[in-house]
């Protein structure tokens, strides 16, 4: 069964629902109006600022030093980074947001806003919860044990099984996510492999960091991970433009020799974000300072909690430097 007027493959439906006219990321309130991400938190901005200082030293203090945020959303992370630019980077750092939606009204004038990646990046390339929104197809094994593409009605989310998986789709599944048991599902990840390869190919010198939920061979989720989010709640994945559509990342299909894959909890701790509460004795000696430290610890706990945002992984890919110079264990 091929695509019909009311049934299309999931990759086609996701692309239209997220990035088409009236799509989730191109119209309306955007993701910040529906859910909270690591990029919107103070601890993440502080950690990335620390990483940037280390990277600047490893690169020999280039001028300019690029910070490119791919899938920048409402520019929250770039706004925080620009507001807290360390003195040693002032005048050299160049902030760029890459997003299909229009420029945020309150974005600082020092941040460039564009719809496509720059051709060359020297510095830091960030992709925070971007890969999980790169459109992918879904496969499901039928009663005869044959993996088939899943077709979906964009207006309702109703699914049917389509043609057998062939070609590159089949090759990717065979290598990274073999399906044999009837009812087993998988998201076919090679479009993400291509998107990440294109992004990192622009990195002349520096490091690219992808932050997302994901999985590896041996621990694939049996039913797949495609889901929807709206107004802070997980909802069925209906590709009508009203809902974020996301699926976890198959990290091992992205990794190349020299890369590091680190749990967010460990990455943030290596960058000074611990989530440890200040000693109660400090409350009497410095009440205002204690409250500030307590608030910082609360925010840090949010992004290091393994059952929430702390469940993210960081994929680090370096060009022209060694990852050990950044002092992030991996």
Protein backbone atom coordinates (compact mmCIF):
# COMPACT_ATOMS: atom_id res chain seq x y z
CA UNK A 1 0.00 0.00 0.00
CA UNK A 2 1.49 3.34 -1.04
CA UNK A 3 0.78 6.79 0.40
CA UNK A 4 -2.77 8.00 -0.13
CA UNK A 5 -4.50 11.32 0.30
CA UNK A 6 -5.25 10.60 3.96
CA UNK A 7 -2.29 8.35 4.84
CA UNK A 8 1.36 9.38 4.51
CA UNK A 9 4.61 8.05 5.92
CA UNK A 10 5.56 9.48 9.31
CA UNK A 11 8.58 11.37 8.00
CA UNK A 12 6.36 13.32 5.60
CA UNK A 13 3.76 13.96 8.30
CA UNK A 14 6.35 15.11 10.87
CA UNK A 15 8.00 17.51 8.46
CA UNK A 16 4.72 19.22 7.65
CA UNK A 17 3.44 19.20 11.23
CA UNK A 18 6.62 20.63 12.75
CA UNK A 19 8.10 22.83 10.02
CA UNK A 20 5.43 23.47 7.39
CA UNK A 21 3.10 26.44 7.11
CA UNK A 22 1.34 26.64 10.46
CA UNK A 23 3.68 24.01 11.89
CA UNK A 24 4.46 23.59 15.57
CA UNK A 25 7.88 25.26 15.32
CA UNK A 26 6.97 27.90 12.76
CA UNK A 27 3.72 29.30 14.17
CA UNK A 28 2.00 29.97 17.47
CA UNK A 29 3.69 30.01 20.86
CA UNK A 30 6.39 27.54 19.84
CA UNK A 31 7.96 24.98 22.16
CA UNK A 32 8.40 27.34 25.15
CA UNK A 33 4.62 27.60 25.38
CA UNK A 34 4.28 23.83 25.79
CA UNK A 35 7.24 22.35 27.67
CA UNK A 36 10.51 23.12 29.41
CA UNK A 37 13.86 22.11 27.96
CA UNK A 38 17.41 22.09 29.29
CA UNK A 39 18.21 25.08 27.08
CA UNK A 40 15.71 27.21 29.03
CA UNK A 41 17.42 26.69 32.39
CA UNK A 42 19.96 28.88 34.18
CA UNK A 43 22.29 25.97 35.07
CA UNK A 44 22.58 24.97 31.41
CA UNK A 45 23.56 28.50 30.43
CA UNK A 46 26.17 28.60 33.18
CA UNK A 47 27.55 25.20 32.17
CA UNK A 48 27.74 26.16 28.51
CA UNK A 49 29.49 29.39 29.52
CA UNK A 50 32.11 27.36 31.38
CA UNK A 51 32.49 25.01 28.43
CA UNK A 52 32.92 27.99 26.14
CA UNK A 53 35.78 29.40 28.24
CA UNK A 54 37.55 26.03 28.18
CA UNK A 55 36.99 25.67 24.46
CA UNK A 56 38.29 29.18 23.79
CA UNK A 57 41.54 28.33 25.57
CA UNK A 58 41.88 25.02 23.71
CA UNK A 59 41.43 26.83 20.38
CA UNK A 60 44.02 29.50 21.21
CA UNK A 61 41.47 32.31 21.67
CA UNK A 62 40.26 32.75 18.07
CA UNK A 63 38.65 35.94 16.81
CA UNK A 64 35.78 35.50 16.21
CA UNK A 65 34.73 32.65 18.45
CA UNK A 66 31.44 31.21 17.17
CA UNK A 67 28.55 30.01 19.30
CA UNK A 68 25.89 28.53 17.04
CA UNK A 69 22.63 27.23 18.54
CA UNK A 70 20.94 24.87 16.09
CA UNK A 71 17.21 24.65 16.76
CA UNK A 72 17.40 27.75 18.94
CA UNK A 73 13.68 27.85 19.80
CA UNK A 74 12.89 31.20 21.37
CA UNK A 75 16.55 32.09 21.80
CA UNK A 76 16.47 31.51 25.57
CA UNK A 77 19.92 29.91 25.78
CA UNK A 78 21.58 32.47 23.53
CA UNK A 79 19.96 35.32 25.46
CA UNK A 80 21.37 33.97 28.72
CA UNK A 81 24.80 33.36 27.21
CA UNK A 82 24.96 36.85 25.72
CA UNK A 83 23.97 38.41 29.05
CA UNK A 84 26.71 36.53 30.87
CA UNK A 85 29.56 36.71 28.35
CA UNK A 86 32.83 36.28 30.29
CA UNK A 87 35.16 39.27 30.14
CA UNK A 88 37.87 37.30 28.34
CA UNK A 89 35.47 36.57 25.46
CA UNK A 90 33.96 40.03 25.11
CA UNK A 91 34.45 41.51 21.67
CA UNK A 92 35.35 38.15 20.13
CA UNK A 93 32.36 35.87 20.67
CA UNK A 94 29.77 35.74 17.89
CA UNK A 95 26.34 34.32 18.80
CA UNK A 96 24.08 32.83 16.11
CA UNK A 97 20.66 31.22 16.41
CA UNK A 98 19.45 28.86 13.69
CA UNK A 99 15.69 28.38 13.63
CA UNK A 100 12.87 28.38 11.06
CA UNK A 101 10.63 30.55 13.22
CA UNK A 102 11.01 34.32 13.08
CA UNK A 103 13.45 36.25 15.21
CA UNK A 104 12.27 36.50 18.85
CA UNK A 105 11.19 40.01 19.76
CA UNK A 106 13.36 40.26 22.87
CA UNK A 107 16.48 38.64 21.44
CA UNK A 108 19.59 40.79 22.06
CA UNK A 109 20.86 42.69 19.03
CA UNK A 110 24.24 40.99 19.47
CA UNK A 111 22.70 37.65 18.44
CA UNK A 112 22.37 36.87 14.74
CA UNK A 113 19.21 34.96 13.72
CA UNK A 114 19.04 32.86 10.57
CA UNK A 115 17.22 29.90 9.06
CA UNK A 116 20.27 27.94 7.89
CA UNK A 117 23.56 26.92 9.44
CA UNK A 118 26.66 29.00 8.62
CA UNK A 119 29.03 27.33 6.18
CA UNK A 120 31.93 27.46 8.65
CA UNK A 121 31.99 27.37 12.44
CA UNK A 122 35.01 27.94 14.64
CA UNK A 123 33.95 27.43 18.22
CA UNK A 124 30.85 25.80 19.68
CA UNK A 125 27.98 24.21 17.75
CA UNK A 126 25.01 23.36 20.00
CA UNK A 127 22.02 21.19 19.18
CA UNK A 128 19.88 21.01 22.32
CA UNK A 129 16.85 18.77 21.80
CA UNK A 130 17.09 19.26 18.06
CA UNK A 131 17.81 15.77 16.78
CA UNK A 132 14.68 14.32 18.39
CA UNK A 133 12.64 16.62 16.14
CA UNK A 134 14.36 15.67 12.89
CA UNK A 135 11.56 13.86 10.99
CA UNK A 136 11.90 10.09 10.71
CA UNK A 137 9.83 7.21 9.43
CA UNK A 138 8.39 4.50 11.64
CA UNK A 139 8.53 0.78 10.87
CA UNK A 140 6.43 -2.00 12.41
CA UNK A 141 6.63 -5.76 11.97
CA UNK A 142 3.45 -7.30 10.56
CA UNK A 143 1.92 -10.67 11.50
CA UNK A 144 4.15 -12.43 8.96
CA UNK A 145 7.33 -10.98 10.44
CA UNK A 146 7.86 -8.39 7.68
CA UNK A 147 8.92 -4.86 8.73
CA UNK A 148 6.63 -2.33 7.05
CA UNK A 149 6.45 1.43 6.95
CA UNK A 150 3.75 2.89 9.16
CA UNK A 151 1.41 5.32 7.42
CA UNK A 152 -0.52 7.95 9.38
CA UNK A 153 -3.54 10.18 8.88
CA UNK A 154 -2.18 13.69 9.67
CA UNK A 155 -5.52 14.94 10.95
CA UNK A 156 -6.24 12.14 13.41
CA UNK A 157 -3.01 10.20 14.01
CA UNK A 158 -4.69 6.95 12.92
CA UNK A 159 -2.13 4.49 11.54
CA UNK A 160 -2.06 1.68 9.00
CA UNK A 161 0.77 -0.53 7.78
CA UNK A 162 2.16 0.41 4.37
CA UNK A 163 4.75 -1.13 2.06
CA UNK A 164 7.59 -3.34 3.19
CA UNK A 165 10.73 -1.51 4.29
CA UNK A 166 13.37 -1.55 1.55
CA UNK A 167 16.58 0.14 0.45
CA UNK A 168 18.42 2.40 2.85
CA UNK A 169 15.59 2.16 5.38
CA UNK A 170 15.99 -1.61 5.55
CA UNK A 171 19.77 -1.35 5.68
CA UNK A 172 19.65 1.04 8.63
CA UNK A 173 17.23 -1.18 10.54
CA UNK A 174 19.29 -4.30 9.88
CA UNK A 175 22.41 -2.61 11.22
CA UNK A 176 21.10 -0.58 14.13
CA UNK A 177 17.60 -1.70 15.13
CA UNK A 178 16.69 -5.19 13.82
CA UNK A 179 12.99 -5.98 14.02
CA UNK A 180 11.69 -9.54 14.05
CA UNK A 181 8.81 -9.92 16.50
CA UNK A 182 5.32 -9.01 15.20
CA UNK A 183 4.24 -5.65 16.61
CA UNK A 184 7.78 -4.44 17.28
CA UNK A 185 8.35 -0.85 16.13
CA UNK A 186 11.32 1.38 15.43
CA UNK A 187 12.08 4.88 14.25
CA UNK A 188 14.36 4.76 11.20
CA UNK A 189 17.23 7.08 12.11
CA UNK A 190 19.29 7.71 8.98
CA UNK A 191 17.74 11.18 8.36
CA UNK A 192 19.19 12.19 11.73
CA UNK A 193 22.53 10.69 10.82
CA UNK A 194 22.54 12.83 7.69
CA UNK A 195 21.41 15.98 9.52
CA UNK A 196 24.10 15.62 12.19
CA UNK A 197 26.79 14.81 9.61
CA UNK A 198 25.86 17.94 7.65
CA UNK A 199 26.00 20.07 10.81
CA UNK A 200 29.33 18.75 12.06
CA UNK A 201 30.89 19.02 8.58
CA UNK A 202 30.69 22.81 9.02
CA UNK A 203 32.81 22.67 12.17
CA UNK A 204 36.27 23.88 11.14
CA UNK A 205 37.71 23.82 14.65
CA UNK A 206 35.88 23.39 17.91
CA UNK A 207 33.26 21.08 19.38
CA UNK A 208 29.70 20.14 18.47
CA UNK A 209 27.38 19.13 21.31
CA UNK A 210 24.05 17.36 20.79
CA UNK A 211 21.84 17.11 23.90
CA UNK A 212 18.88 14.75 23.79
CA UNK A 213 17.16 11.65 25.10
CA UNK A 214 18.40 8.54 23.36
CA UNK A 215 19.26 4.85 23.42
CA UNK A 216 21.88 2.41 22.14
CA UNK A 217 21.96 -1.14 20.79
CA UNK A 218 21.01 -3.67 23.42
CA UNK A 219 18.61 -1.26 25.10
CA UNK A 220 16.23 -0.27 22.32
CA UNK A 221 12.68 0.51 23.51
CA UNK A 222 10.45 -2.28 22.23
CA UNK A 223 7.49 -0.14 21.09
CA UNK A 224 9.63 2.75 19.85
CA UNK A 225 9.56 6.25 21.32
CA UNK A 226 7.50 8.43 19.00
CA UNK A 227 5.20 10.61 21.09
CA UNK A 228 3.65 14.06 21.35
CA UNK A 229 3.81 16.93 23.85
CA UNK A 230 1.36 19.79 24.27
CA UNK A 231 0.84 22.26 27.12
CA UNK A 232 3.34 20.47 29.33
CA UNK A 233 1.75 17.04 28.95
CA UNK A 234 2.58 13.92 26.98
CA UNK A 235 -0.15 13.28 24.40
CA UNK A 236 -0.70 10.94 21.44
CA UNK A 237 1.44 11.91 18.42
CA UNK A 238 -1.11 13.52 16.10
CA UNK A 239 0.77 15.28 13.24
CA UNK A 240 -1.69 18.15 12.75
CA UNK A 241 0.65 21.01 13.72
CA UNK A 242 -0.74 21.49 17.22
CA UNK A 243 1.66 19.14 18.97
CA UNK A 244 5.39 18.64 19.34
CA UNK A 245 6.42 15.32 17.80
CA UNK A 246 9.53 13.72 19.18
CA UNK A 247 11.37 10.41 19.14
CA UNK A 248 14.50 9.47 21.04
CA UNK A 249 17.84 9.32 19.25
CA UNK A 250 19.71 6.14 18.32
CA UNK A 251 23.10 7.42 19.48
CA UNK A 252 25.24 4.60 18.13
CA UNK A 253 24.25 5.37 14.55
CA UNK A 254 25.63 8.92 15.00
CA UNK A 255 28.87 8.16 16.81
CA UNK A 256 32.17 8.24 14.95
CA UNK A 257 35.65 7.40 16.31
CA UNK A 258 36.80 10.04 18.76
CA UNK A 259 33.29 11.08 19.86
CA UNK A 260 32.14 10.94 23.47
CA UNK A 261 28.68 10.13 24.80
CA UNK A 262 28.12 11.40 28.35
CA UNK A 263 25.09 11.49 30.62
CA UNK A 264 23.96 15.07 31.18
CA UNK A 265 24.35 14.62 34.92
CA UNK A 266 28.06 13.84 34.55
CA UNK A 267 28.64 16.52 31.91
CA UNK A 268 27.08 19.24 34.04
CA UNK A 269 28.96 18.16 37.14
CA UNK A 270 32.20 18.39 35.18
CA UNK A 271 31.19 21.95 34.28
CA UNK A 272 30.44 22.98 37.86
CA UNK A 273 26.71 22.23 38.13
CA UNK A 274 26.14 19.83 41.04
CA UNK A 275 22.71 20.46 42.53
CA UNK A 276 24.14 20.23 46.05
CA UNK A 277 22.25 22.25 48.65
CA UNK A 278 24.22 24.85 50.61
CA UNK A 279 24.96 24.12 54.30
CA UNK A 280 22.08 25.14 56.53
CA UNK A 281 24.52 27.03 58.74
CA UNK A 282 24.99 29.55 55.91
CA UNK A 283 21.38 30.69 56.39
CA UNK A 284 22.24 32.49 59.61
CA UNK A 285 25.57 33.94 58.48
CA UNK A 286 24.37 35.16 55.07
CA UNK A 287 20.60 34.76 54.59
CA UNK A 288 20.48 36.41 51.15
CA UNK A 289 23.46 34.43 49.91
CA UNK A 290 21.97 31.23 51.30
CA UNK A 291 18.70 31.83 49.43
CA UNK A 292 20.57 32.49 46.18
CA UNK A 293 22.62 29.32 46.62
CA UNK A 294 19.49 27.34 47.49
CA UNK A 295 17.71 28.59 44.37
CA UNK A 296 20.74 27.69 42.25
CA UNK A 297 20.81 24.20 43.76
CA UNK A 298 17.10 23.75 43.02
CA UNK A 299 17.58 24.72 39.38
CA UNK A 300 20.64 22.49 39.11
CA UNK A 301 18.72 19.55 40.57
CA UNK A 302 16.17 19.92 37.76
CA UNK A 303 18.73 19.42 35.00
CA UNK A 304 20.64 16.65 36.79
CA UNK A 305 17.62 14.58 37.87
CA UNK A 306 18.01 11.27 35.97
CA UNK A 307 14.22 10.83 35.82
CA UNK A 308 13.79 14.19 34.06
CA UNK A 309 16.06 16.49 32.10
CA UNK A 310 19.05 14.80 33.73
CA UNK A 311 18.21 11.75 31.63
CA UNK A 312 19.60 13.51 28.57
CA UNK A 313 22.83 12.39 26.96
CA UNK A 314 25.49 14.69 25.53
CA UNK A 315 27.17 13.67 22.28
CA UNK A 316 30.45 15.57 21.86
CA UNK A 317 32.22 15.72 18.52
CA UNK A 318 35.50 17.61 18.23
CA UNK A 319 37.36 19.06 15.26
CA UNK A 320 40.95 20.25 15.49
CA UNK A 321 41.20 19.71 19.26
CA UNK A 322 41.16 16.77 21.64
CA UNK A 323 38.06 16.29 23.77
CA UNK A 324 40.18 15.67 26.92
CA UNK A 325 41.18 19.37 26.84
CA UNK A 326 37.59 20.21 27.80
CA UNK A 327 37.76 18.09 30.98
CA UNK A 328 34.40 16.38 30.44
CA UNK A 329 34.62 12.65 31.22
CA UNK A 330 33.42 10.39 28.44
